[in-house]
Protein backbone atom coordinates (compact mmCIF):
# COMPACT_ATOMS: atom_id res chain seq x y z
CA MET A 1 67.11 66.34 -17.30
CA LYS A 2 66.98 68.61 -20.34
CA LYS A 3 66.04 71.83 -18.56
CA THR A 4 65.82 73.30 -15.06
CA LEU A 5 62.86 75.60 -14.48
CA LYS A 6 63.34 78.51 -12.11
CA ILE A 7 61.33 78.84 -8.93
CA GLU A 8 59.63 82.02 -10.15
CA ASN A 9 58.32 80.29 -13.26
CA ILE A 10 57.07 77.32 -11.27
CA ASP A 11 55.28 79.56 -8.78
CA ASP A 12 53.70 81.63 -11.57
CA ARG A 13 52.17 78.49 -13.09
CA LEU A 14 50.95 77.04 -9.80
CA THR A 15 49.66 80.37 -8.43
CA GLN A 16 47.42 80.76 -11.47
CA TRP A 17 45.60 77.59 -10.46
CA ALA A 18 45.37 78.49 -6.74
CA ASP A 19 42.22 80.55 -7.38
CA GLN A 20 40.44 77.29 -8.27
CA PRO A 21 41.74 74.90 -5.61
CA GLU A 22 39.28 72.18 -6.57
CA MET A 23 40.97 71.99 -9.99
CA PHE A 24 44.55 72.30 -8.71
CA GLU A 25 45.25 68.58 -8.20
CA ALA A 26 44.06 67.47 -11.65
CA ARG A 27 45.95 70.26 -13.42
CA ALA A 28 49.10 69.69 -11.37
CA LYS A 29 49.09 65.96 -12.11
CA ARG A 30 48.77 66.59 -15.85
CA LEU A 31 51.62 69.09 -15.73
CA ALA A 32 53.75 66.69 -13.67
CA LYS A 33 53.26 63.95 -16.24
CA ARG A 34 54.27 66.30 -19.07
CA TRP A 35 57.33 67.65 -17.26
CA ASN A 36 58.51 64.15 -16.43
CA ARG A 37 58.14 63.22 -20.08
CA ASP A 38 60.03 66.35 -21.20
CA GLY A 39 62.75 65.94 -18.57
CA ILE A 40 62.19 69.27 -16.80
CA ALA A 41 63.85 69.63 -13.37
CA LEU A 42 62.90 72.05 -10.59
CA GLU A 43 65.20 74.73 -9.28
CA LEU A 44 65.77 74.41 -5.54
CA ALA A 45 66.32 77.35 -3.24
CA SER A 46 69.78 77.58 -1.71
CA PRO A 47 69.81 77.38 2.12
CA ASP A 48 71.93 80.55 2.09
CA SER A 49 68.94 82.45 0.72
CA TRP A 50 67.01 82.10 3.98
CA ARG A 51 69.90 82.25 6.44
CA GLN A 52 71.61 85.34 7.78
CA PRO A 53 75.21 85.37 9.03
CA HIS A 54 75.47 85.32 12.81
CA ASP A 55 77.97 86.91 15.14
CA ASP A 56 80.71 84.77 16.60
CA MET A 57 80.63 83.76 20.24
CA PRO A 58 82.52 86.02 22.66
CA THR A 59 86.18 85.09 23.05
CA GLY A 60 86.90 82.58 25.80
CA ARG A 61 83.32 81.35 26.07
CA VAL A 62 82.05 77.99 24.87
CA ALA A 63 78.36 77.88 24.01
CA SER A 64 76.19 74.98 25.09
CA ILE A 65 74.61 72.81 22.42
CA GLU A 66 71.23 74.37 23.07
CA GLU A 67 72.65 77.88 22.83
CA GLN A 68 74.37 77.05 19.55
CA LEU A 69 71.12 75.62 18.21
CA ARG A 70 69.18 78.72 19.21
CA ARG A 71 71.72 80.99 17.54
CA GLU A 72 71.52 78.95 14.33
CA ILE A 73 67.72 79.06 14.31
CA ASP A 74 67.69 82.80 15.06
CA CYS A 75 69.58 83.32 11.80
CA ILE A 76 66.88 81.61 9.72
CA LEU A 77 64.49 84.07 8.08
CA PRO A 78 60.79 83.36 8.74
CA MET A 79 58.38 83.11 5.81
CA GLU A 80 55.67 85.49 4.73
CA ARG A 81 52.18 84.10 4.14
CA GLU A 82 52.37 84.15 0.32
CA GLU A 83 55.90 82.76 0.29
CA GLU A 84 54.77 79.93 2.57
CA ALA A 85 51.73 79.10 0.44
CA ALA A 86 53.85 79.08 -2.72
CA LEU A 87 56.31 76.63 -1.15
CA ALA A 88 53.45 74.42 0.04
CA ARG A 89 52.11 74.28 -3.53
CA ARG A 90 55.55 73.39 -4.84
CA ILE A 91 55.80 70.57 -2.27
CA GLU A 92 52.44 69.19 -3.37
CA PHE A 93 53.47 69.46 -7.01
CA SER A 94 56.76 67.66 -6.25
CA ARG A 95 54.75 64.80 -4.75
CA TYR A 96 52.85 64.46 -8.03
CA LEU A 97 56.13 64.49 -9.96
CA LEU A 98 57.53 61.74 -7.74
CA ALA A 99 54.34 59.66 -7.89
CA ASP A 100 54.32 59.83 -11.71
CA ALA A 101 58.02 58.90 -11.90
CA LEU A 102 57.46 55.93 -9.58
CA LYS A 103 54.48 54.77 -11.61
CA ALA A 104 56.52 54.91 -14.80
CA GLU A 105 59.04 52.56 -13.19
CA GLY A 106 56.40 50.23 -11.77
CA LEU A 107 57.24 51.26 -8.20
CA THR A 108 55.30 52.57 -5.22
CA GLU A 109 56.11 54.89 -2.33
CA GLU A 110 56.80 51.81 -0.18
CA ASP A 111 59.97 51.30 -2.21
CA LEU A 112 61.26 54.59 -0.78
CA GLU A 113 60.42 53.88 2.87
CA GLY A 114 63.39 54.12 5.16
CA ALA A 115 65.51 55.77 2.47
CA SER A 116 68.09 58.30 3.58
CA GLU A 117 68.97 61.36 1.56
CA ASN A 118 71.16 59.64 -1.02
CA SER A 119 70.27 55.96 -0.76
CA PRO A 120 67.52 55.94 -3.44
CA CYS A 121 70.13 56.89 -6.03
CA ASP A 122 71.94 53.62 -5.34
CA ARG A 123 69.01 51.43 -6.33
CA LEU A 124 66.48 53.50 -8.31
CA ALA A 125 66.36 55.16 -11.69
CA GLY A 126 68.01 58.55 -11.90
CA HIS A 127 64.83 60.54 -12.60
CA VAL A 128 63.06 58.90 -9.64
CA CYS A 129 65.95 59.80 -7.38
CA LEU A 130 65.91 63.38 -8.66
CA ARG A 131 62.20 63.79 -7.96
CA TRP A 132 62.66 62.30 -4.48
CA MET A 133 65.51 64.69 -3.68
CA GLU A 134 63.52 67.68 -4.99
CA LEU A 135 60.66 66.81 -2.64
CA GLN A 136 62.92 66.27 0.37
CA ALA A 137 64.79 69.55 -0.22
CA GLN A 138 61.53 71.51 -0.26
CA ARG A 139 60.19 69.73 2.83
CA ARG A 140 63.42 70.57 4.67
CA GLU A 141 63.13 74.21 3.66
CA LEU A 142 59.64 74.53 5.13
CA VAL A 143 60.74 72.72 8.31
CA GLU A 144 63.92 74.75 8.79
CA ARG A 145 62.13 78.03 8.35
CA ASN A 146 59.69 77.05 11.08
CA LEU A 147 62.12 75.53 13.58
CA TYR A 148 61.59 78.56 15.79
CA LEU A 149 58.18 77.09 16.61
CA ALA A 150 59.86 74.20 18.46
CA LEU A 151 61.94 76.62 20.52
CA ILE A 152 58.99 78.85 21.38
CA ASN A 153 56.57 76.11 22.35
CA VAL A 154 59.05 73.91 24.22
CA GLU A 155 59.00 76.39 27.10
CA ARG A 156 55.53 75.18 28.00
CA TYR A 157 56.81 71.68 28.76
CA ALA A 158 60.49 72.14 29.62
CA HIS A 159 59.89 72.26 33.39
CA LEU A 160 58.34 68.78 33.57
CA GLY A 161 61.48 66.78 34.21
CA VAL A 162 62.84 65.97 30.74
CA GLN A 163 65.76 67.32 28.75
CA ARG A 164 64.93 70.42 26.71
CA LEU A 165 67.05 69.22 23.79
CA ASP A 166 65.10 65.96 23.68
CA LEU A 167 61.84 67.90 23.47
CA ILE A 168 63.25 70.18 20.76
CA GLN A 169 64.31 67.12 18.78
CA GLU A 170 60.84 65.58 19.08
CA GLY A 171 59.30 68.88 18.00
CA SER A 172 61.60 69.15 14.98
CA ALA A 173 60.62 65.66 13.84
CA ALA A 174 56.95 66.55 14.34
CA LEU A 175 57.36 69.48 11.93
CA PHE A 176 58.05 67.02 9.11
CA ARG A 177 54.77 65.26 9.87
CA ALA A 178 53.07 68.65 9.90
CA VAL A 179 54.51 69.44 6.46
CA ASP A 180 53.07 66.20 5.09
CA GLY A 181 49.61 67.01 6.43
CA PHE A 182 49.53 70.74 5.70
CA ASP A 183 46.91 71.85 3.15
CA TRP A 184 47.47 75.35 1.74
CA ARG A 185 43.87 75.39 0.42
CA ARG A 186 42.50 76.03 3.92
CA GLY A 187 44.16 79.44 4.03
CA LEU A 188 45.88 78.78 7.36
CA LEU A 189 49.39 79.75 8.25
CA PHE A 190 51.66 76.74 8.62
CA ARG A 191 52.46 77.64 12.23
CA THR A 192 48.76 77.55 13.13
CA TYR A 193 48.57 73.96 11.91
CA ALA A 194 52.02 72.81 13.05
CA VAL A 195 51.60 73.85 16.68
CA HIS A 196 49.10 71.02 17.21
CA TRP A 197 51.67 68.49 15.97
CA LEU A 198 54.27 70.03 18.28
CA PHE A 199 52.07 69.75 21.35
CA GLN A 200 51.20 66.17 20.46
CA ALA A 201 54.90 65.28 20.10
CA PHE A 202 55.82 66.97 23.38
CA ARG A 203 53.03 65.25 25.32
CA SER A 204 53.80 61.88 23.78
CA TYR A 205 57.46 62.18 24.77
CA LEU A 206 56.54 63.24 28.31
CA TYR A 207 54.10 60.35 28.69
CA ASN A 208 56.68 57.82 27.51
CA TYR A 209 59.97 59.07 28.95
CA SER A 210 59.38 61.50 31.82
CA GLN A 211 59.38 58.72 34.42
CA ALA A 212 61.91 56.02 35.19
CA VAL A 213 59.10 53.46 35.22
CA ARG A 214 56.76 53.98 32.30
CA VAL A 215 53.13 54.50 33.26
CA PRO A 216 50.52 53.98 30.50
CA VAL A 217 49.18 57.14 28.92
CA TYR A 218 45.60 56.55 30.06
CA MET A 219 46.84 56.13 33.63
CA GLN A 220 48.89 59.33 33.45
CA LYS A 221 45.80 61.23 32.31
CA ALA A 222 43.81 59.78 35.22
CA LEU A 223 46.69 60.64 37.56
CA LYS A 224 46.54 64.26 36.38
CA HIS A 225 42.88 64.50 37.43
CA VAL A 226 43.65 62.78 40.73
CA ARG A 227 46.45 65.23 41.52
CA GLU A 228 44.20 68.18 40.76
CA ALA A 229 41.54 66.73 43.07
CA LEU A 230 44.11 66.21 45.83
CA GLY A 231 45.08 69.85 45.48
CA ARG A 232 41.48 70.86 46.12
CA LEU A 233 40.58 68.26 48.76
CA GLY A 234 43.89 67.89 50.55
CA HIS A 235 46.39 65.05 50.46
CA ASP A 236 44.55 63.07 53.13
CA ALA A 237 41.45 62.67 50.90
CA THR A 238 40.17 59.13 50.59
CA PRO A 239 39.93 57.37 47.21
CA GLU A 240 36.12 57.53 47.49
CA ARG A 241 36.14 61.34 47.83
CA ILE A 242 38.62 61.65 44.96
CA ALA A 243 36.40 59.44 42.78
CA ASP A 244 33.39 61.64 43.53
CA GLU A 245 35.40 64.79 42.78
CA THR A 246 36.89 63.56 39.48
CA GLY A 247 34.06 61.34 38.24
CA LEU A 248 36.55 58.48 37.77
CA PRO A 249 35.80 54.89 38.83
CA ILE A 250 37.10 54.04 42.28
CA HIS A 251 39.37 51.26 40.93
CA GLN A 252 40.99 53.71 38.50
CA VAL A 253 41.60 56.23 41.29
CA GLU A 254 43.23 53.54 43.43
CA ALA A 255 45.39 52.44 40.49
CA ALA A 256 46.42 56.05 39.83
CA LEU A 257 47.38 56.55 43.47
CA GLU A 258 49.41 53.35 43.34
CA ALA A 259 51.19 54.59 40.19
CA ASN A 260 51.96 57.95 41.80
CA ARG A 261 55.39 56.95 43.00
CA SER A 262 58.58 58.93 42.77
CA THR A 263 62.02 57.51 42.02
CA LEU A 264 65.09 58.07 44.16
CA SER A 265 68.69 57.83 42.99
CA LEU A 266 70.94 55.40 44.85
CA ASP A 267 73.51 58.20 44.95
CA ALA A 268 71.13 60.77 46.43
CA PRO A 269 72.17 61.92 49.94
CA MET A 270 69.97 60.78 52.79
CA GLY A 271 68.92 63.13 55.59
CA ASN A 272 71.37 66.03 55.59
CA ALA A 273 71.91 67.16 52.03
CA ASP A 274 75.57 67.85 52.82
CA GLY A 275 76.21 64.38 54.17
CA ASP A 276 78.32 61.79 52.39
CA SER A 277 76.06 58.81 52.94
CA GLY A 278 73.51 57.88 50.32
CA LEU A 279 70.78 55.32 49.85
CA ALA A 280 73.27 52.84 48.43
CA ASP A 281 75.23 52.97 51.69
CA LEU A 282 72.13 52.03 53.68
CA ILE A 283 71.09 49.04 51.60
CA GLY A 284 74.51 47.82 50.47
CA ALA A 285 76.24 44.68 51.75
CA LYS A 286 78.28 45.17 54.92
CA ASP A 287 81.27 43.10 53.85
CA ASP A 288 83.68 43.96 51.05
CA GLY A 289 83.45 40.58 49.37
CA ASP A 290 81.81 39.70 46.09
CA PRO A 291 78.05 40.20 46.58
CA TYR A 292 77.31 37.35 44.15
CA ASP A 293 77.00 33.85 45.51
CA ALA A 294 76.20 30.74 43.48
CA SER A 295 73.65 29.73 46.09
CA MET A 296 71.52 32.67 44.97
CA GLU A 297 70.79 30.89 41.68
CA ASP A 298 67.91 28.43 41.49
CA GLY A 299 70.05 26.14 39.37
CA SER A 300 72.95 26.06 36.92
CA ILE A 301 72.53 26.37 33.19
CA GLU A 302 73.76 22.78 32.77
CA GLU A 303 71.02 21.52 35.08
CA SER A 304 68.42 23.60 33.29
CA VAL A 305 69.46 22.29 29.86
CA GLU A 306 69.44 18.73 31.12
CA THR A 307 65.97 19.29 32.57
CA ALA A 308 64.76 20.61 29.22
CA LEU A 309 66.32 17.73 27.27
CA GLY A 310 64.85 15.23 29.72
CA GLU A 311 61.37 16.05 28.41
CA LEU A 312 62.32 14.95 24.88
CA SER A 313 62.33 11.49 23.41
CA GLU A 314 65.66 9.71 22.97
CA ARG A 315 65.86 10.47 19.23
CA GLU A 316 64.86 14.10 19.75
CA ARG A 317 67.40 14.54 22.54
CA PHE A 318 70.13 13.00 20.38
CA VAL A 319 69.37 15.28 17.41
CA VAL A 320 69.23 18.48 19.48
CA ALA A 321 72.41 17.64 21.40
CA ARG A 322 74.36 16.84 18.23
CA ARG A 323 73.00 19.76 16.20
CA PHE A 324 73.70 22.46 18.81
CA GLY A 325 76.73 21.03 20.60
CA LEU A 326 75.05 20.25 23.93
CA LEU A 327 76.22 17.86 26.64
CA GLY A 328 79.85 18.05 25.57
CA ASP A 329 79.26 17.46 21.85
CA ASP A 330 80.45 19.73 19.06
CA PRO A 331 77.82 21.26 16.75
CA HIS A 332 77.05 19.12 13.69
CA THR A 333 75.26 19.81 10.44
CA LEU A 334 71.97 18.19 9.49
CA ALA A 335 73.80 16.07 6.94
CA GLU A 336 76.29 14.78 9.52
CA VAL A 337 73.53 13.87 11.98
CA ALA A 338 71.51 12.19 9.21
CA LYS A 339 74.51 10.06 8.19
CA GLU A 340 75.16 9.07 11.80
CA MET A 341 71.52 8.05 12.33
CA GLY A 342 71.15 6.37 8.96
CA VAL A 343 68.11 8.44 7.95
CA SER A 344 67.41 11.15 5.42
CA LEU A 345 68.39 14.78 5.97
CA GLU A 346 64.70 15.80 5.80
CA ARG A 347 63.84 13.32 8.55
CA VAL A 348 66.49 14.83 10.85
CA ARG A 349 65.12 18.29 10.13
CA GLN A 350 61.59 17.16 11.05
CA ILE A 351 62.83 15.67 14.34
CA GLN A 352 64.69 18.89 15.14
CA VAL A 353 61.63 21.05 14.44
CA ARG A 354 59.44 18.83 16.63
CA ALA A 355 61.98 18.87 19.47
CA LEU A 356 62.42 22.63 19.39
CA GLY A 357 58.66 23.01 19.37
CA LYS A 358 58.44 21.01 22.58
CA MET A 359 61.15 23.13 24.17
CA LYS A 360 59.09 26.27 23.57
CA THR A 361 56.45 25.20 26.08
CA PRO A 362 56.15 27.38 29.22
CA LYS A 363 57.49 24.62 31.48
CA LEU A 364 60.70 24.11 29.50
CA ARG A 365 61.17 27.81 28.77
CA ALA A 366 61.08 28.51 32.50
CA ALA A 367 64.05 26.21 32.97
CA VAL A 368 66.37 28.15 30.64
CA ASP A 369 64.92 31.68 30.64
CA PRO A 370 67.03 32.86 33.62
CA PHE A 371 70.15 32.34 31.46
CA LEU A 372 68.89 33.91 28.22
């Protein structure tokens, strides 16, 4: 790049157009095209500019990971409204710069999917990589300066049986999605918009991971209404009364009640909490021998393979056995099997495909599935 333009100069240009938001996109795209042509790079704010130094931990005390994270986030300076809007405009402008650079190379945004911070530089043109890194640096700045939102709002869900750090992680990832959807033209603060993404991320994580056995989201929502009805009617309420109270179909109420099961650790003490015996002691085998016994299996893998091969024709069975080293044979290549059978390599391949297709039927799959 020939020149690096300072943040103040970029903001001055973009702020002039903010008074006519309907014209901003067209003007920004024209400017992006010209700056790409002239090789103008964007100055990026240093992370030190929005971080304050923090006090060291007291001597002799080791902070937990969550406490360390909170102290780091407490040192990040929040953004004022105008500063936030200016950064949002720069992010949008950086997207236009990247889109124009990709177009010039005959690429699309799909070519950047899954790219880590430095990987595009390994396989893309230098100016495309620069525009990508400019965009990512500005997105990270907006996310970092709003990480406190994840800490504040996680308290609402932290008591529901999941790890707080997992929820904070989900919320931090949701902030990136909020950055991509944020529109400064609406005049909203970023936190007003981002909090909806945070709540969605928290609820989604709770629905998917709060229980040992995953219950579908729609069923968990029905279960919430059922539990509220039980609180009003009493736990001895019949499914019919619950259905009338909640307005849910009777079959959905019954399914929700069936799904309302708790899990119990095998190591949890039974009866007296101070006792040594647990659930595992009650259901475990009495003897000290190996709990596995071959008689517990429905059949051996050799028998299952032989059963599967028995459904094939003689030629198909021969090809599969030779190709994959079954029934005591060593694996052979298609060419070796073709030479042994006196047919073409393509003919052996066709026989193999047909045989494997037969072995994918439910009947034959059931014979070998227990060992896969």
